[in-house]
Protein backbone atom coordinates (compact mmCIF):
# COMPACT_ATOMS: atom_id res chain seq x y z
CA UNK A 1 232.83 229.34 -75.57
CA UNK A 2 234.66 232.01 -73.64
CA UNK A 3 238.08 233.44 -74.09
CA UNK A 4 240.04 236.20 -75.73
CA UNK A 5 242.11 236.63 -78.89
CA UNK A 6 245.27 238.70 -78.42
CA UNK A 7 246.86 240.32 -81.47
CA UNK A 8 250.52 241.29 -81.91
CA UNK A 9 249.71 245.00 -81.58
CA UNK A 10 248.17 244.40 -78.13
CA UNK A 11 244.54 244.57 -79.35
CA UNK A 12 242.36 242.07 -77.45
CA UNK A 13 238.84 240.92 -78.40
CA UNK A 14 236.41 238.50 -76.76
CA UNK A 15 235.58 235.18 -78.43
CA UNK A 16 231.84 234.78 -78.93
CA UNK A 17 231.90 231.16 -80.08
CA UNK A 18 232.99 229.06 -83.00
CA UNK A 19 231.57 229.14 -86.48
CA UNK A 20 232.15 228.28 -90.11
CA UNK A 21 233.89 230.40 -92.74
CA UNK A 22 233.47 229.60 -96.43
CA UNK A 23 235.74 230.54 -99.33
CA UNK A 24 235.25 230.15 -103.06
CA UNK A 25 237.99 228.14 -104.77
CA UNK A 26 238.70 228.68 -108.48
CA UNK A 27 235.59 230.86 -108.74
CA UNK A 28 233.04 228.06 -108.38
CA UNK A 29 234.01 225.38 -105.89
CA UNK A 30 234.09 226.18 -102.21
CA UNK A 31 236.08 225.36 -99.13
CA UNK A 32 234.74 225.55 -95.60
CA UNK A 33 236.78 226.09 -92.45
CA UNK A 34 234.82 224.78 -89.47
CA UNK A 35 235.14 225.48 -85.76
CA UNK A 36 236.97 228.78 -86.24
CA UNK A 37 236.96 231.33 -83.42
CA UNK A 38 234.48 234.17 -83.90
CA UNK A 39 235.61 237.35 -82.14
CA UNK A 40 233.86 240.70 -82.47
CA UNK A 41 235.73 242.26 -85.40
CA UNK A 42 234.76 244.35 -88.39
CA UNK A 43 237.08 242.35 -90.65
CA UNK A 44 237.41 238.61 -91.15
CA UNK A 45 240.40 236.97 -89.52
CA UNK A 46 241.66 233.51 -90.38
CA UNK A 47 244.16 231.98 -87.99
CA UNK A 48 247.06 230.24 -89.71
CA UNK A 49 247.46 228.16 -86.57
CA UNK A 50 243.88 226.93 -86.88
CA UNK A 51 244.40 226.15 -90.57
CA UNK A 52 247.55 224.22 -89.71
CA UNK A 53 245.61 222.20 -87.13
CA UNK A 54 243.02 221.50 -89.85
CA UNK A 55 245.63 219.90 -92.13
CA UNK A 56 245.91 222.74 -94.66
CA UNK A 57 249.26 223.33 -96.38
CA UNK A 58 250.50 226.86 -95.68
CA UNK A 59 253.30 228.46 -97.69
CA UNK A 60 254.82 231.94 -97.75
CA UNK A 61 257.13 232.61 -100.68
CA UNK A 62 258.30 235.96 -102.06
CA UNK A 63 255.67 237.96 -100.16
CA UNK A 64 252.77 235.70 -101.22
CA UNK A 65 250.82 233.51 -98.79
CA UNK A 66 249.12 230.43 -100.25
CA UNK A 67 246.93 227.85 -98.52
CA UNK A 68 246.05 224.51 -100.16
CA UNK A 69 243.54 221.93 -98.95
CA UNK A 70 244.14 218.18 -98.59
CA UNK A 71 243.46 217.71 -102.33
CA UNK A 72 246.11 220.34 -103.14
CA UNK A 73 243.45 222.81 -104.33
CA UNK A 74 244.34 226.45 -103.83
CA UNK A 75 242.12 227.90 -101.11
CA UNK A 76 243.76 231.26 -100.40
CA UNK A 77 246.36 233.37 -102.15
CA UNK A 78 247.29 236.72 -100.60
CA UNK A 79 250.09 239.04 -101.67
């Protein structure tokens, strides 16, 4: 897979393929995002657009981002 990811600040990185990112939910269960873009970055980046395409519920309320899966389990919570 070829392509580039362009960030708001103008930073551009090459896409090296697609992969899988796993998250722990409630400390023991896990959630896996598949077919996410893998650019060359030192930090993990999760695209809200990709999550939206994957049928996750995304909510931002009072400076807190939450993402729930199709079973309404909390997957991410970021202040």
